Structure formats: C-alpha cells, structure tokens
Amino acid sequence: MSHKPQPQYLAYIHEGYKPKPSELICTFRVENHPSELTFREACGGVAAESSTGTWTKLTTVKPYMKKLGAKVYGIKGNVIQVAYPPELFEGGSVPNILSSVAGNVFGLGGLKNLRLEDIYFPKSITKGFKGPKYGINGIRKFLKIRNRPPIGTVIKPKLGLKTKDHLKFGEEAWQGGCDFLKDDENLSSQKFNPFYERALKGLEIADRVASETGEKKVFFLNVTAETNEMVKRAEFVEKHGGKYVMIDILTTGWGAFQTLRDLNLKCAIHCHRAQHAALDRNRKHGIAMLVLARLTRLIGGDQLHVGTAVGKMAETREEVLAHCDALRKPMHGLNTVLPVASGGLHPGHVPRLFDIFGRDFVIQTGGGIHGHPDGTFAGARALRQAVDAHMKGIPAREYAESHPELAAALKKWVR
C-alpha cells in the first residue's frame, strides 16, 4: 500500500504547547507503518482519533469544536504526550475515559504498535471520583497493625478443594500468624466451593481464630461476578461481618468496579489484576500496568496487586516502584492505596521485599506457605517469623536457628 498523506492528522500536533492544569495527559509509545502513515501523521492520528478527528476531511465540523481537539505537545523519540481538554469526558466515568484515550485508536491501520504508558488525571477529572475509602492509614487502623506489612495467603491449589478443606487450610494459616486469607482470582462460586457457604463459614472461623489469638483475622472474599450478583455478594459479606471484599477489576470491568465502590460499603476493597498481562506484557503495544494502577486509585480500590520484582512475576524493580508511587504519592487529595506483593513468594524473599517496598505493602504468599514441608500452619509461622526477624534487624538464617519453621522454609527455597 502506498502512503497517502493525511494532513488532517498533522493539525493535531502542537509542539511546544503548554497544557492547561485542567487537561488530562496521556503518554503514548508510537510505532507507525511508513507505507501508510508518516511518523508525525501517526502521532497526530492518535490525538485526532481519540478526540475530535478522523481519517478524512469533514463537512460537519463546527468552529466551536476547535478547542476540544487533543494536542500532541511533546515528541521525544517514539514517545509522545497528548493533552485532552476535560470537556471531552463524561464526569465520573472511567469507561468513557478509556473508550476515548484507549479505544479504537489501538486498531488504527497506520499504527504498527501503540502503548499507553502513563496517564495523568487533573483535579477536573478526579473530583468526579471517590477514591479509596480507607487508604494505607485506614487499613492499618482497622487491622491494628502499626508498622509491619500485613501478611496472608491464598489457598493453593487455587481450584478444586471443597469448602471444608479450603477453610481448614485457611484456619491453619490464620492460626500460624497470617492476618488474612484471600480467595484466588478464579475462585468464584463453583459447585465444589460455593461462594455463600465459603463466606459464611469462613467469616465464622476468622472471628473464632481472632478471639483465640488476640489478632484481627480477615477474609478477602472474591465477589467477582455479573454486576447484580457481585452487588448481592458484596452486601452479603458486609451483612455477615466481613471487613473486605475482593474484585477482579479487569475481568469484571471498570464500570462494575465503580458500581462496587459506589455502594459505599464499610468493607475495604482488595483489587486483583487478573488479565493485566494481556494488556501490559507487550512492552510495545497495549496499556501499561502503571495506567491500571492510577485508574484503580481513581475509582477507589484500597489494595492492588502490583508485582514483586522477585518471585515469579515479570515486572522489573523500576516498574514495581513506579506502580507503588502511583498508589502512594499525593493525587489531588485522593486516599492512598496499599500495594500488594504476590506471585511466587516465600519467606526467603522477605528482606528483598522490604528493600523494594518499604513497610507500607502487603505480603501475600500461596505456594510459599502451603508448600512448606511441614504444612500450612508451619508455612504461615515461617512467613511471620521472616517478617519478625527483619523488623528486629536479625538476619533470617540467624533467626532460623531458634525458629524451626523458618529454618525448614529457607532450606527448601533458598539456595
């Protein structure tokens, strides 16, 4: 295909333009098909097709629309910055924002690759959202955990266990020192482990173990479902004394996530990012996890999985730190979000996790607890001992000399 000039796209390039404080800013990585669009046309096309323009000259454009066009104001290599007037967006609607800046533009034929690397929400946008109900300080307050990270587990295997056995292992984890038990992302209401039975019995066990240990014990119940059923499940959890609900924010959908937050439950919202890698794993195309983190905070998740930089997940240390910054640094008065480190972790990773995250994060291990050679209770004790050792400034191997559960964990996983 020969290149056909698209001058209408070039009209959306305004290098040197200074964005207004009210404008939403997107950072894109752009690769063009030279046979279809020049690089500058491709850049302008991103702004045009995500705002007021299209592939051909129109007779329907009115003068009052001129101020509504997005502007490419920065081009550095193949990274561009685009400013969007706030009037382009419906207030308080993440689906509308994403349909604009991350919608059909990704299918533009002249683009070889397009990646939304970052997004900045001005106060003109954030004022339409609630943000997190609790934030880091609120979560610490109701968990009664002042300094150390909250720790917990997701039962493994993630699917297949009957409710009775699932909760038996959960009870052992709570008794061993875990603060929370979390459903896995694909555990919903299967016949072998139905939601309402798991919720009712699990919350009763959590309360009993809390009374026995003198520590708060919480259950992150996965309410992910069709929206009406999701609401029903969330309200059931709150009615029966639950302190958390969990949602798979991407597979459930941003609109459903907003619906959950707008219920204004007393429960904190734990956000799982299942499906994120379908959007962010390709470093040239898609939507970066950093964007998903900012959207989660905007809507109002209290906790979000962000990767580990150790363990089995793919993110680098720099990426994980950027995700944490998006959740913890000031954002027009919105509450903070507690980052969750999860994925292939075991007690031997604890010192490195503190080095990466600081203290304001959640440590979640699955196989790193249930794979302990002496079982779940010992696995939970080993994780708690690893955290205690670090908080006391004692090397893990030295602490393990008088803590056999930690010693066994280090022997199995640390070479």
Protein backbone atom coordinates (compact mmCIF):
# COMPACT_ATOMS: atom_id res chain seq x y z
CA MET A 1 0.00 0.00 0.00
CA SER A 2 1.42 3.38 -0.97
CA HIS A 3 1.44 6.22 1.50
CA LYS A 4 -1.47 8.63 1.23
CA PRO A 5 -0.84 11.91 3.04
CA GLN A 6 -3.15 12.62 5.99
CA PRO A 7 -2.77 16.37 6.61
CA GLN A 8 -5.85 16.41 8.85
CA TYR A 9 -3.84 14.37 11.41
CA LEU A 10 -0.96 16.86 11.37
CA ALA A 11 -3.37 19.57 12.55
CA TYR A 12 -3.39 17.85 15.97
CA ILE A 13 0.35 18.34 16.53
CA HIS A 14 1.17 21.43 18.62
CA GLU A 15 4.76 21.02 19.76
CA GLY A 16 5.62 23.48 22.48
CA TYR A 17 2.01 23.80 23.65
CA LYS A 18 1.74 24.17 27.42
CA PRO A 19 -1.10 22.01 28.75
CA LYS A 20 -3.68 23.67 30.96
CA PRO A 21 -3.89 22.47 34.60
CA SER A 22 -7.36 21.09 33.83
CA GLU A 23 -6.24 18.85 30.95
CA LEU A 24 -5.82 15.08 31.11
CA ILE A 25 -2.37 13.99 29.87
CA CYS A 26 -1.54 10.69 28.19
CA THR A 27 1.90 9.37 27.36
CA PHE A 28 1.95 7.03 24.36
CA ARG A 29 4.66 4.97 22.69
CA VAL A 30 4.03 5.05 18.93
CA GLU A 31 5.29 2.93 16.03
CA ASN A 32 3.94 3.60 12.55
CA HIS A 33 3.66 1.67 9.29
CA PRO A 34 5.62 4.03 6.99
CA SER A 35 3.76 2.76 3.94
CA GLU A 36 0.51 4.05 5.43
CA LEU A 37 1.38 6.97 7.72
CA THR A 38 4.48 9.04 8.37
CA PHE A 39 5.54 9.03 12.00
CA ARG A 40 4.20 12.55 12.57
CA GLU A 41 0.92 11.66 10.92
CA ALA A 42 0.70 8.62 13.18
CA CYS A 43 1.30 10.80 16.23
CA GLY A 44 -1.35 13.27 15.15
CA GLY A 45 -3.65 10.40 14.31
CA VAL A 46 -3.53 9.16 17.88
CA ALA A 47 -4.71 12.56 19.15
CA ALA A 48 -7.24 13.03 16.36
CA GLU A 49 -8.88 9.60 16.54
CA SER A 50 -9.08 9.73 20.34
CA SER A 51 -10.76 13.13 20.33
CA THR A 52 -12.45 15.10 17.55
CA GLY A 53 -10.76 13.97 14.31
CA THR A 54 -10.91 11.17 11.77
CA TRP A 55 -9.21 9.91 8.60
CA THR A 56 -10.80 12.36 6.16
CA LYS A 57 -11.83 16.00 5.95
CA LEU A 58 -15.36 16.51 7.25
CA THR A 59 -18.12 18.96 6.35
CA THR A 60 -19.74 18.62 9.77
CA VAL A 61 -17.07 20.32 11.87
CA LYS A 62 -18.20 23.49 13.65
CA PRO A 63 -15.95 26.35 14.83
CA TYR A 64 -16.86 25.79 18.49
CA MET A 65 -15.24 22.36 18.32
CA LYS A 66 -11.75 23.72 17.75
CA LYS A 67 -10.97 23.99 21.46
CA LEU A 68 -11.91 20.34 22.05
CA GLY A 69 -9.24 18.71 19.93
CA ALA A 70 -6.48 16.78 21.71
CA LYS A 71 -2.98 18.15 21.20
CA VAL A 72 0.31 16.31 20.73
CA TYR A 73 2.56 18.74 22.55
CA GLY A 74 5.66 16.64 23.11
CA ILE A 75 7.52 14.20 20.86
CA LYS A 76 10.70 12.53 22.09
CA GLY A 77 11.87 9.58 20.07
CA ASN A 78 8.76 7.45 19.64
CA VAL A 79 7.17 8.65 22.90
CA ILE A 80 4.56 11.37 22.68
CA GLN A 81 2.49 13.33 25.16
CA VAL A 82 -1.08 14.26 24.39
CA ALA A 83 -3.26 16.80 26.23
CA TYR A 84 -7.03 16.30 26.35
CA PRO A 85 -9.49 19.04 27.37
CA PRO A 86 -11.66 17.82 30.26
CA GLU A 87 -14.83 18.68 28.29
CA LEU A 88 -14.18 15.56 26.19
CA PHE A 89 -15.08 13.29 29.09
CA GLU A 90 -18.23 12.46 30.99
CA GLY A 91 -17.71 13.21 34.67
CA GLY A 92 -17.07 10.25 36.94
CA SER A 93 -16.87 7.62 34.20
CA VAL A 94 -13.75 5.51 33.72
CA PRO A 95 -15.36 3.55 30.86
CA ASN A 96 -15.88 6.80 28.96
CA ILE A 97 -12.30 7.96 29.57
CA LEU A 98 -10.87 4.66 28.35
CA SER A 99 -13.20 4.47 25.35
CA SER A 100 -11.67 7.77 24.31
CA VAL A 101 -7.95 7.57 25.04
CA ALA A 102 -7.60 3.78 24.80
CA GLY A 103 -10.41 2.78 22.48
CA ASN A 104 -10.48 2.34 18.69
CA VAL A 105 -7.23 4.22 18.30
CA PHE A 106 -5.38 0.98 19.08
CA GLY A 107 -6.78 -0.54 15.89
CA LEU A 108 -5.67 2.26 13.56
CA GLY A 109 -4.20 0.60 10.47
CA GLY A 110 -1.31 3.03 10.14
CA LEU A 111 -0.03 2.09 13.60
CA LYS A 112 2.31 -0.86 13.92
CA ASN A 113 2.25 -0.61 17.72
CA LEU A 114 0.70 1.72 20.28
CA ARG A 115 1.15 1.60 24.04
CA LEU A 116 -0.46 3.84 26.63
CA GLU A 117 2.45 4.22 29.04
CA ASP A 118 1.02 6.65 31.59
CA ILE A 119 -1.93 8.87 32.32
CA TYR A 120 -2.27 11.98 34.46
CA PHE A 121 -5.62 12.87 35.96
CA PRO A 122 -6.09 16.56 36.78
CA LYS A 123 -8.35 17.74 39.56
CA SER A 124 -11.03 18.48 36.97
CA ILE A 125 -11.25 14.70 36.47
CA THR A 126 -10.51 13.36 39.97
CA LYS A 127 -13.27 15.46 41.54
CA GLY A 128 -15.79 13.11 39.96
CA PHE A 129 -14.47 10.05 41.82
CA LYS A 130 -14.48 8.83 45.40
CA GLY A 131 -11.00 7.28 45.50
CA PRO A 132 -10.11 4.71 48.20
CA LYS A 133 -12.32 4.66 51.29
CA TYR A 134 -9.56 3.75 53.75
CA GLY A 135 -6.11 4.29 52.33
CA ILE A 136 -3.00 2.89 53.95
CA ASN A 137 -3.57 4.52 57.33
CA GLY A 138 -7.18 3.41 57.49
CA ILE A 139 -6.32 -0.19 56.71
CA ARG A 140 -3.57 -0.23 59.33
CA LYS A 141 -6.00 1.19 61.86
CA PHE A 142 -8.71 -1.42 61.47
CA LEU A 143 -6.22 -4.30 61.13
CA LYS A 144 -4.43 -2.93 64.22
CA ILE A 145 -1.05 -3.39 62.51
CA ARG A 146 1.09 -0.32 63.05
CA ASN A 147 4.46 -0.94 61.43
CA ARG A 148 4.93 -4.29 59.77
CA PRO A 149 3.29 -5.23 56.46
CA PRO A 150 0.06 -7.22 56.71
CA ILE A 151 0.74 -10.81 55.66
CA GLY A 152 -1.50 -13.51 54.32
CA THR A 153 -2.14 -16.29 51.90
CA VAL A 154 -4.27 -17.56 49.08
CA ILE A 155 -5.11 -21.25 49.33
CA LYS A 156 -3.32 -23.49 46.85
CA PRO A 157 -4.28 -25.32 44.77
CA LYS A 158 -6.36 -22.37 43.66
CA LEU A 159 -9.24 -24.51 42.40
CA GLY A 160 -10.60 -27.94 43.24
CA LEU A 161 -10.69 -28.03 47.04
CA LYS A 162 -14.07 -28.50 48.68
CA THR A 163 -15.19 -25.74 51.03
CA LYS A 164 -14.44 -27.77 54.15
CA ASP A 165 -10.84 -28.46 53.16
CA HIS A 166 -10.30 -24.95 51.76
CA LEU A 167 -11.30 -23.40 55.08
CA LYS A 168 -9.37 -25.97 57.10
CA PHE A 169 -6.17 -24.76 55.45
CA GLY A 170 -7.32 -21.17 55.88
CA GLU A 171 -7.79 -21.72 59.60
CA GLU A 172 -4.30 -23.19 59.85
CA ALA A 173 -2.88 -20.16 58.07
CA TRP A 174 -4.68 -17.73 60.40
CA GLN A 175 -3.55 -19.71 63.44
CA GLY A 176 0.02 -19.76 62.16
CA GLY A 177 0.22 -15.97 62.02
CA CYS A 178 -1.40 -14.81 58.78
CA ASP A 179 -3.55 -11.72 59.05
CA PHE A 180 -5.69 -12.57 56.06
CA LEU A 181 -6.93 -15.35 53.83
CA LYS A 182 -7.67 -14.42 50.21
CA ASP A 183 -9.71 -16.14 47.52
CA ASP A 184 -7.80 -16.70 44.31
CA GLU A 185 -8.82 -14.77 41.21
CA ASN A 186 -10.69 -17.67 39.60
CA LEU A 187 -12.38 -19.00 42.73
CA SER A 188 -15.93 -17.75 42.50
CA SER A 189 -18.92 -19.95 43.29
CA GLN A 190 -18.10 -23.33 41.78
CA LYS A 191 -20.11 -26.36 42.89
CA PHE A 192 -17.21 -27.77 44.90
CA ASN A 193 -16.79 -24.48 46.81
CA PRO A 194 -19.90 -22.25 46.58
CA PHE A 195 -19.47 -18.60 47.50
CA TYR A 196 -22.14 -18.17 50.16
CA GLU A 197 -21.14 -21.30 52.06
CA ARG A 198 -17.46 -20.33 51.94
CA ALA A 199 -18.25 -16.78 53.04
CA LEU A 200 -20.49 -17.71 55.95
CA LYS A 201 -18.30 -20.46 57.37
CA GLY A 202 -15.04 -18.63 56.64
CA LEU A 203 -16.10 -15.46 58.42
CA GLU A 204 -17.14 -17.50 61.45
CA ILE A 205 -13.73 -19.20 61.55
CA ALA A 206 -11.92 -15.87 61.17
CA ASP A 207 -13.79 -14.44 64.17
CA ARG A 208 -13.06 -17.51 66.26
CA VAL A 209 -9.33 -17.51 65.46
CA ALA A 210 -9.20 -13.77 66.16
CA SER A 211 -10.62 -14.44 69.63
CA GLU A 212 -8.11 -17.24 70.20
CA THR A 213 -5.06 -15.30 69.04
CA GLY A 214 -5.94 -11.75 70.03
CA GLU A 215 -5.18 -10.59 66.46
CA LYS A 216 -7.51 -9.36 63.71
CA LYS A 217 -8.16 -12.03 61.09
CA VAL A 218 -9.82 -11.09 57.81
CA PHE A 219 -11.09 -12.88 54.73
CA PHE A 220 -10.76 -11.33 51.25
CA LEU A 221 -13.83 -12.89 49.61
CA ASN A 222 -13.97 -12.73 45.83
CA VAL A 223 -17.28 -11.13 44.85
CA THR A 224 -16.39 -11.08 41.14
CA ALA A 225 -19.49 -11.94 39.10
CA GLU A 226 -22.13 -10.43 36.82
CA THR A 227 -22.76 -6.98 38.26
CA ASN A 228 -26.08 -7.66 40.02
CA GLU A 229 -24.70 -10.85 41.58
CA MET A 230 -21.50 -9.02 42.53
CA VAL A 231 -23.55 -6.46 44.45
CA LYS A 232 -25.53 -9.23 46.15
CA ARG A 233 -22.34 -10.99 47.24
CA ALA A 234 -20.69 -7.81 48.50
CA GLU A 235 -23.72 -6.87 50.58
CA PHE A 236 -23.84 -10.42 51.97
CA VAL A 237 -20.22 -10.15 53.12
CA GLU A 238 -20.87 -6.88 54.87
CA LYS A 239 -24.10 -8.12 56.47
CA HIS A 240 -22.23 -11.06 57.98
CA GLY A 241 -19.40 -9.02 59.44
CA GLY A 242 -16.80 -9.22 56.68
CA LYS A 243 -14.23 -6.45 56.54
CA TYR A 244 -13.04 -6.95 52.95
CA VAL A 245 -14.37 -7.77 49.52
CA MET A 246 -12.17 -8.71 46.60
CA ILE A 247 -12.81 -7.95 42.92
CA ASP A 248 -11.03 -8.92 39.71
CA ILE A 249 -11.13 -5.38 38.38
CA LEU A 250 -10.33 -6.11 34.72
CA THR A 251 -12.42 -9.19 34.08
CA THR A 252 -15.37 -7.71 35.97
CA GLY A 253 -14.95 -4.38 34.20
CA TRP A 254 -14.28 -0.80 35.19
CA GLY A 255 -17.98 0.09 35.29
CA ALA A 256 -18.74 -2.79 37.64
CA PHE A 257 -15.77 -1.80 39.78
CA GLN A 258 -17.23 1.71 40.04
CA THR A 259 -20.58 0.20 40.99
CA LEU A 260 -18.93 -1.72 43.82
CA ARG A 261 -17.17 1.39 45.12
CA ASP A 262 -20.35 3.44 44.86
CA LEU A 263 -22.14 1.01 47.18
CA ASN A 264 -20.14 2.79 49.88
CA LEU A 265 -19.70 -0.40 51.88
CA LYS A 266 -17.79 -0.38 55.14
CA CYS A 267 -15.66 -3.18 53.67
CA ALA A 268 -12.28 -2.39 52.19
CA ILE A 269 -11.84 -3.33 48.52
CA HIS A 270 -8.99 -5.66 47.58
CA CYS A 271 -8.25 -5.42 43.85
CA HIS A 272 -6.86 -8.32 41.85
CA ARG A 273 -5.38 -7.51 38.44
CA ALA A 274 -6.20 -10.82 36.68
CA GLN A 275 -5.81 -10.36 32.90
CA HIS A 276 -3.45 -7.39 33.24
CA ALA A 277 -0.66 -9.08 31.30
CA ALA A 278 -2.91 -9.33 28.24
CA LEU A 279 -2.74 -5.54 28.24
CA ASP A 280 0.72 -4.74 29.60
CA ARG A 281 3.10 -7.69 28.94
CA ASN A 282 3.99 -6.49 25.42
CA ARG A 283 6.34 -3.55 26.00
CA LYS A 284 5.44 -2.07 22.60
CA HIS A 285 1.67 -2.39 22.49
CA GLY A 286 -1.23 -2.21 24.94
CA ILE A 287 -1.75 -0.43 28.25
CA ALA A 288 0.93 -0.28 30.95
CA MET A 289 0.25 -1.53 34.47
CA LEU A 290 1.08 1.98 35.66
CA VAL A 291 -2.11 3.21 33.98
CA LEU A 292 -4.15 0.44 35.59
CA ALA A 293 -2.75 1.41 38.99
CA ARG A 294 -3.79 5.04 38.55
CA LEU A 295 -7.28 4.00 37.43
CA THR A 296 -7.65 1.72 40.46
CA ARG A 297 -6.84 4.57 42.79
CA LEU A 298 -9.15 6.94 40.94
CA ILE A 299 -12.12 4.60 41.34
CA GLY A 300 -11.32 3.63 44.91
CA GLY A 301 -9.58 0.31 45.43
CA ASP A 302 -7.92 0.04 48.84
CA GLN A 303 -5.34 -2.58 47.84
CA LEU A 304 -3.89 -3.61 44.46
CA HIS A 305 -1.50 -6.29 43.24
CA VAL A 306 1.49 -4.52 41.66
CA GLY A 307 4.06 -7.26 41.01
CA THR A 308 7.04 -8.22 43.12
CA ALA A 309 10.34 -7.74 41.22
CA VAL A 310 11.21 -11.08 42.85
CA GLY A 311 9.28 -14.34 42.73
CA LYS A 312 7.58 -15.46 39.52
CA MET A 313 6.08 -12.27 38.10
CA ALA A 314 7.64 -10.41 35.17
CA GLU A 315 7.89 -6.80 36.35
CA THR A 316 11.24 -5.13 37.00
CA ARG A 317 12.11 -3.34 40.22
CA GLU A 318 11.74 0.01 38.44
CA GLU A 319 8.26 -0.86 37.20
CA VAL A 320 7.10 -2.07 40.61
CA LEU A 321 8.39 1.10 42.24
CA ALA A 322 6.54 3.21 39.67
CA HIS A 323 3.33 1.29 40.43
CA CYS A 324 3.84 1.92 44.15
CA ASP A 325 4.42 5.61 43.56
CA ALA A 326 1.15 5.80 41.62
CA LEU A 327 -0.64 4.33 44.64
CA ARG A 328 1.14 6.14 47.46
CA LYS A 329 2.17 9.61 46.28
CA PRO A 330 -0.24 12.59 46.54
CA MET A 331 -3.07 12.62 43.97
CA HIS A 332 -5.36 15.63 44.40
CA GLY A 333 -6.42 14.60 47.87
CA LEU A 334 -7.42 11.02 46.98
CA ASN A 335 -6.58 8.43 49.59
CA THR A 336 -3.58 6.16 49.13
CA VAL A 337 -3.73 2.51 48.04
CA LEU A 338 -1.82 -0.30 49.76
CA PRO A 339 0.38 -2.18 47.23
CA VAL A 340 0.22 -5.97 47.29
CA ALA A 341 3.29 -8.10 46.54
CA SER A 342 2.14 -11.50 45.32
CA GLY A 343 3.36 -14.19 42.94
CA GLY A 344 5.87 -16.92 43.64
CA LEU A 345 6.94 -15.56 47.02
CA HIS A 346 8.31 -17.46 50.02
CA PRO A 347 9.81 -16.43 53.41
CA GLY A 348 13.29 -16.13 51.94
CA HIS A 349 12.13 -13.19 49.81
CA VAL A 350 11.12 -11.05 52.80
CA PRO A 351 14.32 -8.95 53.14
CA ARG A 352 14.30 -8.09 49.44
CA LEU A 353 10.62 -7.20 49.56
CA PHE A 354 11.24 -4.74 52.41
CA ASP A 355 14.10 -3.26 50.39
CA ILE A 356 11.81 -2.70 47.39
CA PHE A 357 8.52 -1.72 49.05
CA GLY A 358 9.42 -0.27 52.44
CA ARG A 359 6.84 -1.14 55.10
CA ASP A 360 3.61 0.03 53.52
CA PHE A 361 2.68 -3.01 51.46
CA VAL A 362 1.04 -6.42 51.75
CA ILE A 363 2.98 -9.69 51.59
CA GLN A 364 0.89 -12.45 50.09
CA THR A 365 2.21 -15.96 49.55
CA GLY A 366 0.43 -19.03 48.25
CA GLY A 367 2.79 -21.87 47.47
CA GLY A 368 5.32 -20.24 49.78
CA ILE A 369 3.07 -21.18 52.70
CA HIS A 370 1.22 -24.29 51.52
CA GLY A 371 4.38 -25.76 50.01
CA HIS A 372 6.16 -25.76 53.37
CA PRO A 373 7.40 -29.30 54.09
CA ASP A 374 5.55 -29.34 57.43
CA GLY A 375 2.26 -28.00 56.12
CA THR A 376 0.21 -24.82 56.11
CA PHE A 377 0.41 -23.94 59.81
CA ALA A 378 4.21 -24.20 59.73
CA GLY A 379 4.31 -22.26 56.46
CA ALA A 380 2.37 -19.39 57.98
CA ARG A 381 4.61 -19.39 61.04
CA ALA A 382 7.69 -19.32 58.80
CA LEU A 383 6.44 -16.25 56.91
CA ARG A 384 5.55 -14.44 60.13
CA GLN A 385 8.96 -15.35 61.58
CA ALA A 386 10.73 -14.00 58.49
CA VAL A 387 8.88 -10.69 58.88
CA ASP A 388 9.56 -10.56 62.62
CA ALA A 389 13.26 -11.23 62.02
CA HIS A 390 13.51 -8.37 59.56
CA MET A 391 11.62 -5.99 61.83
CA LYS A 392 14.06 -6.85 64.64
CA GLY A 393 17.08 -6.40 62.38
CA ILE A 394 18.13 -10.05 62.71
CA PRO A 395 19.33 -11.95 59.61
CA ALA A 396 16.85 -14.65 58.58
CA ARG A 397 19.33 -17.51 58.87
CA GLU A 398 20.35 -16.42 62.34
CA TYR A 399 16.71 -16.14 63.42
CA ALA A 400 16.04 -19.55 61.91
CA GLU A 401 18.47 -21.15 64.36
CA SER A 402 15.80 -20.86 67.06
CA HIS A 403 12.73 -20.97 64.75
CA PRO A 404 12.42 -24.38 63.07
CA GLU A 405 9.56 -23.40 60.74
CA LEU A 406 11.65 -20.63 59.17
CA ALA A 407 14.66 -22.93 59.03
CA ALA A 408 12.71 -25.52 57.06
CA ALA A 409 11.40 -22.89 54.65
CA LEU A 410 14.87 -21.48 53.98
CA LYS A 411 16.23 -24.98 53.47
CA LYS A 412 13.59 -25.73 50.84
CA TRP A 413 13.57 -22.47 48.89
CA VAL A 414 16.82 -20.61 49.46
CA ARG A 415 19.98 -21.91 47.86
